[in-house]
């Protein structure tokens, strides 16, 4: 079995998580063990545990929902505040990248990992290097959406990405694009 790591880049609210989850669901339906991964997953888990939130609050449709028990702040706002606080101490996020990649390396039973939050130019080379060490293919996907400026990855070199997916229609159209990406790239490799 060839392993694959798909890493996803894009600004906030363009559909990075939806794309990663759709690829994982398609892989699972095809009998491929697959998981999403997150560079800041440890922080997300911390916020989830600290405020007794669900996966839907941290990864899904409830990210933007105001939480009365948190003075009306949404889970996304809580995560953003925590991330901002941490990045003042470690702007490179290298401890999280290393942790994410170490988790992936330990899981040799998984055929597909989708890293849904790549935002800095130094992250794709680290991911590709780790993928090469474990004999996995690495594919970079940039997600764009009209009206969403790239607040992350300023000057991210285009060669860091193999594919661009434009999220320009409905959710169902976007999911069909993810399905085509799965069939044309992931299924051919894994």
C-alpha atoms as a PDB file:
ATOM      1  CA  UNK A   1       0.000   0.000   0.000  1.00  0.00           C
ATOM      2  CA  UNK A   2       1.329   3.415  -0.977  1.00  0.00           C
ATOM      3  CA  UNK A   3       0.667   6.022   1.700  1.00  0.00           C
ATOM      4  CA  UNK A   4      -0.340   9.571   0.881  1.00  0.00           C
ATOM      5  CA  UNK A   5      -0.333  12.850   2.743  1.00  0.00           C
ATOM      6  CA  UNK A   6      -2.543  15.585   1.326  1.00  0.00           C
ATOM      7  CA  UNK A   7      -1.843  18.981   2.860  1.00  0.00           C
ATOM      8  CA  UNK A   8      -4.351  21.769   2.407  1.00  0.00           C
ATOM      9  CA  UNK A   9      -3.726  25.519   2.371  1.00  0.00           C
ATOM     10  CA  UNK A  10      -6.119  28.448   2.092  1.00  0.00           C
ATOM     11  CA  UNK A  11      -7.447  31.407   3.997  1.00  0.00           C
ATOM     12  CA  UNK A  12     -10.020  31.148   6.761  1.00  0.00           C
ATOM     13  CA  UNK A  13     -13.471  29.873   5.789  1.00  0.00           C
ATOM     14  CA  UNK A  14     -12.582  28.694   2.276  1.00  0.00           C
ATOM     15  CA  UNK A  15     -13.396  25.042   2.938  1.00  0.00           C
ATOM     16  CA  UNK A  16     -10.112  23.418   3.967  1.00  0.00           C
ATOM     17  CA  UNK A  17     -11.754  21.240   6.607  1.00  0.00           C
ATOM     18  CA  UNK A  18     -14.633  20.277   4.310  1.00  0.00           C
ATOM     19  CA  UNK A  19     -12.185  19.218   1.593  1.00  0.00           C
ATOM     20  CA  UNK A  20     -10.090  17.141   4.017  1.00  0.00           C
ATOM     21  CA  UNK A  21     -13.150  15.489   5.542  1.00  0.00           C
ATOM     22  CA  UNK A  22     -14.601  14.705   2.118  1.00  0.00           C
ATOM     23  CA  UNK A  23     -11.352  13.077   0.968  1.00  0.00           C
ATOM     24  CA  UNK A  24     -11.219  11.002   4.152  1.00  0.00           C
ATOM     25  CA  UNK A  25     -14.859   9.911   3.819  1.00  0.00           C
ATOM     26  CA  UNK A  26     -14.302   8.871   0.209  1.00  0.00           C
ATOM     27  CA  UNK A  27     -11.182   6.938   1.168  1.00  0.00           C
ATOM     28  CA  UNK A  28     -12.977   5.140   3.984  1.00  0.00           C
ATOM     29  CA  UNK A  29     -15.826   4.248   1.609  1.00  0.00           C
ATOM     30  CA  UNK A  30     -13.210   2.793  -0.774  1.00  0.00           C
ATOM     31  CA  UNK A  31     -11.733   0.645   1.997  1.00  0.00           C
ATOM     32  CA  UNK A  32      -8.693   2.869   2.600  1.00  0.00           C
ATOM     33  CA  UNK A  33      -7.851   3.700   6.205  1.00  0.00           C
ATOM     34  CA  UNK A  34      -7.825   7.492   6.305  1.00  0.00           C
ATOM     35  CA  UNK A  35      -7.759  10.316   8.843  1.00  0.00           C
ATOM     36  CA  UNK A  36      -7.595  14.068   9.009  1.00  0.00           C
ATOM     37  CA  UNK A  37      -4.611  15.568  10.780  1.00  0.00           C
ATOM     38  CA  UNK A  38      -3.999  19.036  12.084  1.00  0.00           C
ATOM     39  CA  UNK A  39      -0.858  20.968  12.835  1.00  0.00           C
ATOM     40  CA  UNK A  40      -2.687  22.754  15.643  1.00  0.00           C
ATOM     41  CA  UNK A  41      -4.764  19.710  16.569  1.00  0.00           C
ATOM     42  CA  UNK A  42      -3.283  19.602  20.065  1.00  0.00           C
ATOM     43  CA  UNK A  43      -4.504  23.129  20.701  1.00  0.00           C
ATOM     44  CA  UNK A  44      -7.927  22.336  19.248  1.00  0.00           C
ATOM     45  CA  UNK A  45      -8.187  19.312  21.534  1.00  0.00           C
ATOM     46  CA  UNK A  46      -7.169  21.480  24.497  1.00  0.00           C
ATOM     47  CA  UNK A  47      -9.933  24.014  23.719  1.00  0.00           C
ATOM     48  CA  UNK A  48     -12.410  21.169  23.204  1.00  0.00           C
ATOM     49  CA  UNK A  49     -11.558  19.625  26.575  1.00  0.00           C
ATOM     50  CA  UNK A  50     -11.300  22.931  28.445  1.00  0.00           C
ATOM     51  CA  UNK A  51     -14.773  24.091  27.421  1.00  0.00           C
ATOM     52  CA  UNK A  52     -16.441  20.644  27.039  1.00  0.00           C
ATOM     53  CA  UNK A  53     -17.066  21.183  23.333  1.00  0.00           C
ATOM     54  CA  UNK A  54     -17.955  18.604  20.703  1.00  0.00           C
ATOM     55  CA  UNK A  55     -16.117  17.751  17.479  1.00  0.00           C
ATOM     56  CA  UNK A  56     -18.744  19.832  15.655  1.00  0.00           C
ATOM     57  CA  UNK A  57     -17.649  22.891  17.662  1.00  0.00           C
ATOM     58  CA  UNK A  58     -13.978  22.362  16.919  1.00  0.00           C
ATOM     59  CA  UNK A  59     -14.012  20.887  13.399  1.00  0.00           C
ATOM     60  CA  UNK A  60     -17.539  21.194  12.055  1.00  0.00           C
ATOM     61  CA  UNK A  61     -20.568  23.353  11.502  1.00  0.00           C
ATOM     62  CA  UNK A  62     -20.706  24.777  15.042  1.00  0.00           C
ATOM     63  CA  UNK A  63     -17.313  26.541  14.858  1.00  0.00           C
ATOM     64  CA  UNK A  64     -18.989  29.927  14.356  1.00  0.00           C
ATOM     65  CA  UNK A  65     -21.816  29.451  16.888  1.00  0.00           C
ATOM     66  CA  UNK A  66     -21.644  31.830  19.877  1.00  0.00           C
ATOM     67  CA  UNK A  67     -21.238  29.926  23.139  1.00  0.00           C
ATOM     68  CA  UNK A  68     -23.141  31.473  26.064  1.00  0.00           C
ATOM     69  CA  UNK A  69     -20.840  29.732  28.563  1.00  0.00           C
ATOM     70  CA  UNK A  70     -17.871  31.491  26.905  1.00  0.00           C
ATOM     71  CA  UNK A  71     -19.273  35.043  27.008  1.00  0.00           C
ATOM     72  CA  UNK A  72     -20.747  34.587  23.549  1.00  0.00           C
ATOM     73  CA  UNK A  73     -17.433  33.746  21.882  1.00  0.00           C
ATOM     74  CA  UNK A  74     -17.463  31.016  19.246  1.00  0.00           C
ATOM     75  CA  UNK A  75     -15.163  28.002  19.302  1.00  0.00           C
ATOM     76  CA  UNK A  76     -13.303  29.527  16.340  1.00  0.00           C
ATOM     77  CA  UNK A  77     -12.685  32.728  18.342  1.00  0.00           C
ATOM     78  CA  UNK A  78     -11.458  30.716  21.320  1.00  0.00           C
ATOM     79  CA  UNK A  79      -9.108  28.709  19.091  1.00  0.00           C
ATOM     80  CA  UNK A  80      -7.878  31.836  17.277  1.00  0.00           C
ATOM     81  CA  UNK A  81      -7.127  33.559  20.603  1.00  0.00           C
ATOM     82  CA  UNK A  82      -5.251  30.527  21.881  1.00  0.00           C
ATOM     83  CA  UNK A  83      -3.327  30.164  18.625  1.00  0.00           C
ATOM     84  CA  UNK A  84      -2.411  33.877  18.650  1.00  0.00           C
ATOM     85  CA  UNK A  85      -1.184  33.580  22.231  1.00  0.00           C
ATOM     86  CA  UNK A  86       0.934  30.535  21.385  1.00  0.00           C
ATOM     87  CA  UNK A  87       2.331  31.976  18.142  1.00  0.00           C
ATOM     88  CA  UNK A  88       3.684  34.955  20.059  1.00  0.00           C
ATOM     89  CA  UNK A  89       5.928  32.366  21.700  1.00  0.00           C
ATOM     90  CA  UNK A  90       6.588  30.102  18.654  1.00  0.00           C
ATOM     91  CA  UNK A  91       5.715  31.867  15.377  1.00  0.00           C
ATOM     92  CA  UNK A  92       7.134  29.050  13.264  1.00  0.00           C
ATOM     93  CA  UNK A  93       4.735  26.412  14.697  1.00  0.00           C
ATOM     94  CA  UNK A  94       7.623  23.952  14.304  1.00  0.00           C
ATOM     95  CA  UNK A  95       6.768  22.095  17.510  1.00  0.00           C
ATOM     96  CA  UNK A  96       3.288  21.432  16.135  1.00  0.00           C
ATOM     97  CA  UNK A  97       4.526  20.454  12.663  1.00  0.00           C
ATOM     98  CA  UNK A  98       6.987  17.977  14.166  1.00  0.00           C
ATOM     99  CA  UNK A  99       4.285  16.619  16.463  1.00  0.00           C
ATOM    100  CA  UNK A 100       1.789  16.247  13.629  1.00  0.00           C
ATOM    101  CA  UNK A 101       4.298  14.485  11.386  1.00  0.00           C
ATOM    102  CA  UNK A 102       5.471  12.220  14.227  1.00  0.00           C
ATOM    103  CA  UNK A 103       1.855  11.175  14.804  1.00  0.00           C
ATOM    104  CA  UNK A 104       1.508  10.395  11.100  1.00  0.00           C
ATOM    105  CA  UNK A 105       4.765   8.408  11.029  1.00  0.00           C
ATOM    106  CA  UNK A 106       3.623   6.274  13.972  1.00  0.00           C
ATOM    107  CA  UNK A 107       0.386   5.369  12.189  1.00  0.00           C
ATOM    108  CA  UNK A 108       1.649   3.088   9.426  1.00  0.00           C
ATOM    109  CA  UNK A 109      -1.816   1.486   9.219  1.00  0.00           C
ATOM    110  CA  UNK A 110      -3.268   4.675   7.685  1.00  0.00           C
ATOM    111  CA  UNK A 111      -3.147   5.004   3.901  1.00  0.00           C
ATOM    112  CA  UNK A 112      -4.288   8.640   3.660  1.00  0.00           C
ATOM    113  CA  UNK A 113      -3.741  11.581   5.969  1.00  0.00           C
ATOM    114  CA  UNK A 114      -5.219  14.991   5.150  1.00  0.00           C
ATOM    115  CA  UNK A 115      -3.506  17.862   6.962  1.00  0.00           C
ATOM    116  CA  UNK A 116      -6.075  20.613   6.832  1.00  0.00           C
ATOM    117  CA  UNK A 117      -4.244  23.678   8.172  1.00  0.00           C
ATOM    118  CA  UNK A 118      -0.968  24.401   6.366  1.00  0.00           C
ATOM    119  CA  UNK A 119      -0.384  28.154   6.479  1.00  0.00           C
ATOM    120  CA  UNK A 120       3.358  28.960   6.461  1.00  0.00           C
ATOM    121  CA  UNK A 121       5.851  28.620   3.600  1.00  0.00           C
ATOM    122  CA  UNK A 122       8.242  26.462   5.655  1.00  0.00           C
ATOM    123  CA  UNK A 123       5.556  23.836   6.383  1.00  0.00           C
ATOM    124  CA  UNK A 124       5.175  22.151   2.953  1.00  0.00           C
ATOM    125  CA  UNK A 125       8.911  21.333   2.695  1.00  0.00           C
ATOM    126  CA  UNK A 126       8.806  19.806   6.208  1.00  0.00           C
ATOM    127  CA  UNK A 127       5.764  17.744   5.266  1.00  0.00           C
ATOM    128  CA  UNK A 128       7.296  16.606   1.977  1.00  0.00           C
ATOM    129  CA  UNK A 129      10.568  15.680   3.687  1.00  0.00           C
ATOM    130  CA  UNK A 130       8.777  13.644   6.362  1.00  0.00           C
ATOM    131  CA  UNK A 131       6.607  11.985   3.701  1.00  0.00           C
ATOM    132  CA  UNK A 132       9.710  10.984   1.737  1.00  0.00           C
ATOM    133  CA  UNK A 133      11.277   9.489   4.893  1.00  0.00           C
ATOM    134  CA  UNK A 134       8.244   7.269   5.402  1.00  0.00           C
ATOM    135  CA  UNK A 135       7.888   6.385   1.714  1.00  0.00           C
ATOM    136  CA  UNK A 136       4.638   8.308   1.298  1.00  0.00           C
ATOM    137  CA  UNK A 137       3.506  10.564  -1.527  1.00  0.00           C
ATOM    138  CA  UNK A 138       2.789  14.193  -0.594  1.00  0.00           C
ATOM    139  CA  UNK A 139       0.297  16.339  -2.482  1.00  0.00           C
ATOM    140  CA  UNK A 140      -0.283  20.015  -1.752  1.00  0.00           C
ATOM    141  CA  UNK A 141      -3.723  21.503  -2.386  1.00  0.00           C
ATOM    142  CA  UNK A 142      -4.469  25.222  -2.353  1.00  0.00           C
ATOM    143  CA  UNK A 143      -8.140  26.101  -1.818  1.00  0.00           C
ATOM    144  CA  UNK A 144      -9.368  29.454  -3.073  1.00  0.00           C
ATOM    145  CA  UNK A 145     -12.737  31.117  -2.736  1.00  0.00           C
ATOM    146  CA  UNK A 146     -13.912  34.442  -4.181  1.00  0.00           C
ATOM    147  CA  UNK A 147     -14.028  37.189  -1.582  1.00  0.00           C
ATOM    148  CA  UNK A 148     -11.623  35.439   0.773  1.00  0.00           C
ATOM    149  CA  UNK A 149      -8.189  36.954   0.837  1.00  0.00           C
ATOM    150  CA  UNK A 150      -5.248  34.823   1.806  1.00  0.00           C
ATOM    151  CA  UNK A 151      -4.680  35.906   5.395  1.00  0.00           C
ATOM    152  CA  UNK A 152      -2.229  33.053   5.820  1.00  0.00           C
ATOM    153  CA  UNK A 153       0.805  32.050   3.854  1.00  0.00           C
ATOM    154  CA  UNK A 154       1.676  35.460   2.530  1.00  0.00           C
ATOM    155  CA  UNK A 155       4.016  34.934  -0.415  1.00  0.00           C
ATOM    156  CA  UNK A 156       3.485  31.162  -0.250  1.00  0.00           C
ATOM    157  CA  UNK A 157       5.376  29.888  -3.301  1.00  0.00           C
ATOM    158  CA  UNK A 158       2.948  28.366  -5.834  1.00  0.00           C
ATOM    159  CA  UNK A 159       5.315  25.429  -6.374  1.00  0.00           C
ATOM    160  CA  UNK A 160       4.423  24.276  -2.847  1.00  0.00           C
ATOM    161  CA  UNK A 161       1.073  23.140  -4.240  1.00  0.00           C
ATOM    162  CA  UNK A 162       0.287  20.564  -6.869  1.00  0.00           C
ATOM    163  CA  UNK A 163      -3.411  21.363  -7.246  1.00  0.00           C
ATOM    164  CA  UNK A 164      -5.675  24.368  -6.808  1.00  0.00           C
ATOM    165  CA  UNK A 165      -9.327  23.818  -5.982  1.00  0.00           C
ATOM    166  CA  UNK A 166     -11.654  26.777  -6.456  1.00  0.00           C
ATOM    167  CA  UNK A 167     -14.574  26.749  -4.054  1.00  0.00           C
ATOM    168  CA  UNK A 168     -16.871  28.850  -6.212  1.00  0.00           C
ATOM    169  CA  UNK A 169     -20.296  27.240  -5.960  1.00  0.00           C
ATOM    170  CA  UNK A 170     -22.562  25.438  -3.572  1.00  0.00           C
ATOM    171  CA  UNK A 171     -21.426  22.983  -0.932  1.00  0.00           C
ATOM    172  CA  UNK A 172     -22.560  20.096  -3.125  1.00  0.00           C
ATOM    173  CA  UNK A 173     -20.554  21.408  -6.091  1.00  0.00           C
ATOM    174  CA  UNK A 174     -17.518  21.751  -3.849  1.00  0.00           C
ATOM    175  CA  UNK A 175     -17.954  18.203  -2.595  1.00  0.00           C
ATOM    176  CA  UNK A 176     -18.114  16.994  -6.198  1.00  0.00           C
ATOM    177  CA  UNK A 177     -14.774  18.727  -6.817  1.00  0.00           C
ATOM    178  CA  UNK A 178     -13.361  16.929  -3.785  1.00  0.00           C
ATOM    179  CA  UNK A 179     -14.717  13.641  -5.192  1.00  0.00           C
ATOM    180  CA  UNK A 180     -12.964  14.294  -8.520  1.00  0.00           C
ATOM    181  CA  UNK A 181      -9.756  15.128  -6.647  1.00  0.00           C
ATOM    182  CA  UNK A 182     -10.054  11.857  -4.758  1.00  0.00           C
ATOM    183  CA  UNK A 183     -10.574   9.829  -7.931  1.00  0.00           C
ATOM    184  CA  UNK A 184      -7.885  11.540  -9.985  1.00  0.00           C
ATOM    185  CA  UNK A 185      -5.145  11.826  -7.352  1.00  0.00           C
ATOM    186  CA  UNK A 186      -5.694   9.843  -4.161  1.00  0.00           C
ATOM    187  CA  UNK A 187      -7.239   6.689  -5.582  1.00  0.00           C
ATOM    188  CA  UNK A 188      -4.493   6.475  -8.214  1.00  0.00           C
ATOM    189  CA  UNK A 189      -1.788   6.460  -5.543  1.00  0.00           C
ATOM    190  CA  UNK A 190      -3.161   4.716  -2.467  1.00  0.00           C
END
